[in-house]
Each structure stands twice: as C-alpha cells, then as structure tokens.
C-alpha cells in the first residue's frame, strides 16, 4: 500500500508532539549554548554572565503564533512568581517576526522580562535550530538545559520543576 507523501510529516509531528506541550523528560542535562543578544531596550547581554547562578526560562516565540500569544500570560505569571528567588526569563522573538510587532506586543502587554530580537536566527540555531514556536528551554543554575518544551508547557508541572531547581545549591 502506498501512503501519501505527507504521511511522513504527520508521523514526525506526532513524534515531536507539536502543540502537545511535550516536555523532553529524562534528558541528560546538556550545557546551554553561550549566546550574545540585544534586548528591545538596546542593551547588550551575554548568557555566560547574565544567566550565571540563575534558573532561566528561555522562550522562543512569535507574535504570529497563536499558542505563543495564548501562553504568554502564564509565562508572565511564572516570571513574577519566581523572579525574586533567582529565576529569570528571556523571550526570544523569531527572526521572521517584524521588530515593530514584537516591540508593540512587549509594550502593550508590559512584559516584565527581557525580550530579544533574534534577527539573524543565530540564537535559535545555537539552541538546536529551533523552528517551531513556542519552544521553551529550562536551564538550571549550572547553565545546563534540563527541559525542553515544544508547544505550551504544563505550567503546574513547570512550576514544580522550577521550585526543585531553585532549591538546588
């Protein structure tokens, strides 16, 4: 029996769990890439300095991504809940997202964390060629990626993991 050409794509999507908020459980922690980035306010940062000793949530998103827009209030709430405990968030806008749209979204939603424009796509490439949004990485205090989510995470479970990571010395 010959299957349609798109069957392979469906199997790939099912395997990756797109839209399912799939967390890659049991991953062996791997070093987070070192990236340089510029926030919307023009300030330049390097992950090697800015993220040291923090639990970081790095969220790749786009203003045209409905799931990204839907999850953003939960990303904001997560940031607000843990920001005074050694947690930080970086929202990385995809290279195809118009900078004016990103700036408008960040301003009108009063995003309380850094928003970086990945205009060259270098940050997404550094994190393993991120193409699907939202894709979110959770990084421990040692600078290791401990979880990767494709789609909207289960925020209750995410909070439990953040609390465990914050408790680590």
Protein backbone atom coordinates (compact mmCIF):
# COMPACT_ATOMS: atom_id res chain seq x y z
CA UNK A 1 0.00 0.00 0.00
CA UNK A 2 1.40 3.39 -0.99
CA UNK A 3 0.99 6.13 1.61
CA UNK A 4 0.51 9.80 0.72
CA UNK A 5 3.67 11.94 0.71
CA UNK A 6 2.53 13.93 3.76
CA UNK A 7 2.21 10.83 5.96
CA UNK A 8 5.87 11.11 6.99
CA UNK A 9 5.32 14.70 8.08
CA UNK A 10 2.31 13.66 10.18
CA UNK A 11 4.36 10.94 11.83
CA UNK A 12 7.14 13.43 12.54
CA UNK A 13 4.68 15.93 14.02
CA UNK A 14 3.16 13.19 16.18
CA UNK A 15 6.60 12.05 17.33
CA UNK A 16 7.70 15.57 18.22
CA UNK A 17 4.42 16.32 19.96
CA UNK A 18 3.78 19.67 18.32
CA UNK A 19 1.07 21.54 20.14
CA UNK A 20 1.04 18.99 22.92
CA UNK A 21 3.36 20.88 25.22
CA UNK A 22 5.68 17.92 25.12
CA UNK A 23 8.47 18.05 27.66
CA UNK A 24 11.55 16.06 26.85
CA UNK A 25 11.71 14.22 30.16
CA UNK A 26 14.77 12.33 31.25
CA UNK A 27 17.13 14.34 29.12
CA UNK A 28 20.67 14.22 30.31
CA UNK A 29 21.41 17.85 31.18
CA UNK A 30 23.46 19.44 28.44
CA UNK A 31 25.30 22.75 28.56
CA UNK A 32 23.19 25.65 27.35
CA UNK A 33 24.77 27.43 24.41
CA UNK A 34 26.57 30.68 25.08
CA UNK A 35 24.75 33.42 23.23
CA UNK A 36 25.02 37.16 22.90
CA UNK A 37 21.77 39.06 22.46
CA UNK A 38 20.31 42.54 22.37
CA UNK A 39 17.12 43.37 24.23
CA UNK A 40 14.43 45.65 22.86
CA UNK A 41 15.80 48.48 25.01
CA UNK A 42 19.10 48.21 23.09
CA UNK A 43 21.10 46.74 25.98
CA UNK A 44 23.59 44.00 25.04
CA UNK A 45 23.89 40.84 27.09
CA UNK A 46 25.86 37.60 27.13
CA UNK A 47 24.32 34.47 28.57
CA UNK A 48 27.63 33.49 30.16
CA UNK A 49 27.35 36.49 32.51
CA UNK A 50 23.63 37.27 32.62
CA UNK A 51 22.46 33.74 33.41
CA UNK A 52 25.16 32.62 35.84
CA UNK A 53 23.69 31.19 39.05
CA UNK A 54 20.07 31.65 37.89
CA UNK A 55 17.36 29.29 36.80
CA UNK A 56 16.46 30.54 33.32
CA UNK A 57 13.40 30.10 31.15
CA UNK A 58 14.25 30.81 27.50
CA UNK A 59 11.10 31.05 25.40
CA UNK A 60 11.26 31.17 21.58
CA UNK A 61 8.06 32.78 20.32
CA UNK A 62 6.48 34.91 17.61
CA UNK A 63 3.67 37.45 17.60
CA UNK A 64 2.04 35.48 14.75
CA UNK A 65 1.99 32.26 16.82
CA UNK A 66 -1.42 31.81 18.46
CA UNK A 67 -0.12 29.32 21.02
CA UNK A 68 2.69 31.73 21.93
CA UNK A 69 0.23 34.56 22.49
CA UNK A 70 -2.08 32.22 24.47
CA UNK A 71 0.71 31.02 26.78
CA UNK A 72 2.32 34.43 27.37
CA UNK A 73 0.14 35.34 30.41
CA UNK A 74 1.35 32.10 32.04
CA UNK A 75 4.96 32.90 31.15
CA UNK A 76 4.47 36.34 32.75
CA UNK A 77 2.87 34.83 35.87
CA UNK A 78 5.71 32.29 36.17
CA UNK A 79 8.30 35.05 35.90
CA UNK A 80 6.52 37.19 38.51
CA UNK A 81 6.18 34.25 40.90
CA UNK A 82 9.88 33.30 40.91
CA UNK A 83 11.82 36.41 39.84
CA UNK A 84 12.84 37.31 43.40
CA UNK A 85 14.13 33.77 44.06
CA UNK A 86 16.90 33.53 41.46
CA UNK A 87 14.77 32.93 38.37
CA UNK A 88 14.74 34.90 35.13
CA UNK A 89 13.05 34.74 31.77
CA UNK A 90 14.19 35.63 28.27
CA UNK A 91 11.67 35.79 25.45
CA UNK A 92 13.42 35.35 22.10
CA UNK A 93 11.43 36.66 19.13
CA UNK A 94 12.00 34.62 15.99
CA UNK A 95 13.92 36.11 13.07
CA UNK A 96 10.81 36.36 10.85
CA UNK A 97 8.86 38.39 13.42
CA UNK A 98 8.77 42.09 12.48
CA UNK A 99 10.62 44.08 15.18
CA UNK A 100 7.83 46.68 15.33
CA UNK A 101 5.28 43.94 16.10
CA UNK A 102 7.50 42.49 18.82
CA UNK A 103 8.12 45.90 20.39
CA UNK A 104 4.42 46.75 20.29
CA UNK A 105 3.46 43.40 21.83
CA UNK A 106 6.06 43.72 24.61
CA UNK A 107 4.99 47.29 25.38
CA UNK A 108 1.21 46.77 25.31
CA UNK A 109 1.44 43.56 27.40
CA UNK A 110 4.04 45.12 29.72
CA UNK A 111 6.30 42.08 29.50
CA UNK A 112 8.28 42.11 32.78
CA UNK A 113 11.32 40.26 31.39
CA UNK A 114 13.88 40.70 28.67
CA UNK A 115 12.77 40.36 25.06
CA UNK A 116 15.48 39.71 22.47
CA UNK A 117 15.15 40.01 18.72
CA UNK A 118 16.84 37.06 17.03
CA UNK A 119 17.04 38.93 13.72
CA UNK A 120 19.81 36.72 12.30
CA UNK A 121 18.40 33.45 13.66
CA UNK A 122 21.70 32.81 15.46
CA UNK A 123 20.13 32.28 18.90
CA UNK A 124 17.62 29.77 17.51
CA UNK A 125 20.45 27.93 15.69
CA UNK A 126 22.51 27.87 18.90
CA UNK A 127 19.67 26.13 20.73
CA UNK A 128 19.47 23.32 18.17
CA UNK A 129 17.90 25.02 15.15
CA UNK A 130 14.64 25.98 16.87
CA UNK A 131 11.97 26.38 14.18
CA UNK A 132 8.68 25.57 15.90
CA UNK A 133 7.11 28.07 18.28
CA UNK A 134 6.68 28.12 21.11
CA UNK A 135 9.78 26.21 22.10
CA UNK A 136 10.91 26.74 25.68
CA UNK A 137 14.09 25.71 27.47
CA UNK A 138 14.57 25.45 31.24
CA UNK A 139 18.17 25.97 32.33
CA UNK A 140 19.49 25.19 35.80
CA UNK A 141 21.89 27.29 37.91
CA UNK A 142 24.85 25.40 36.45
CA UNK A 143 23.94 26.53 32.94
CA UNK A 144 22.56 23.18 31.79
CA UNK A 145 19.39 22.65 29.77
CA UNK A 146 17.26 20.34 31.90
CA UNK A 147 13.96 20.52 29.98
CA UNK A 148 12.80 21.47 26.51
CA UNK A 149 9.15 22.03 25.70
CA UNK A 150 7.64 22.19 22.22
CA UNK A 151 4.21 23.78 22.48
CA UNK A 152 2.66 25.17 25.62
CA UNK A 153 4.09 23.60 28.79
CA UNK A 154 2.02 22.22 31.64
CA UNK A 155 2.64 25.24 33.84
CA UNK A 156 1.79 23.49 37.13
CA UNK A 157 4.43 20.83 36.39
CA UNK A 158 6.84 23.51 35.17
CA UNK A 159 6.45 25.40 38.46
CA UNK A 160 7.25 22.21 40.40
CA UNK A 161 10.43 21.73 38.37
CA UNK A 162 11.43 25.40 38.80
CA UNK A 163 10.99 25.07 42.57
CA UNK A 164 13.24 21.99 42.62
CA UNK A 165 15.89 23.77 40.54
CA UNK A 166 15.76 26.88 42.72
CA UNK A 167 16.28 24.71 45.83
CA UNK A 168 19.50 23.22 44.37
CA UNK A 169 22.75 24.75 45.56
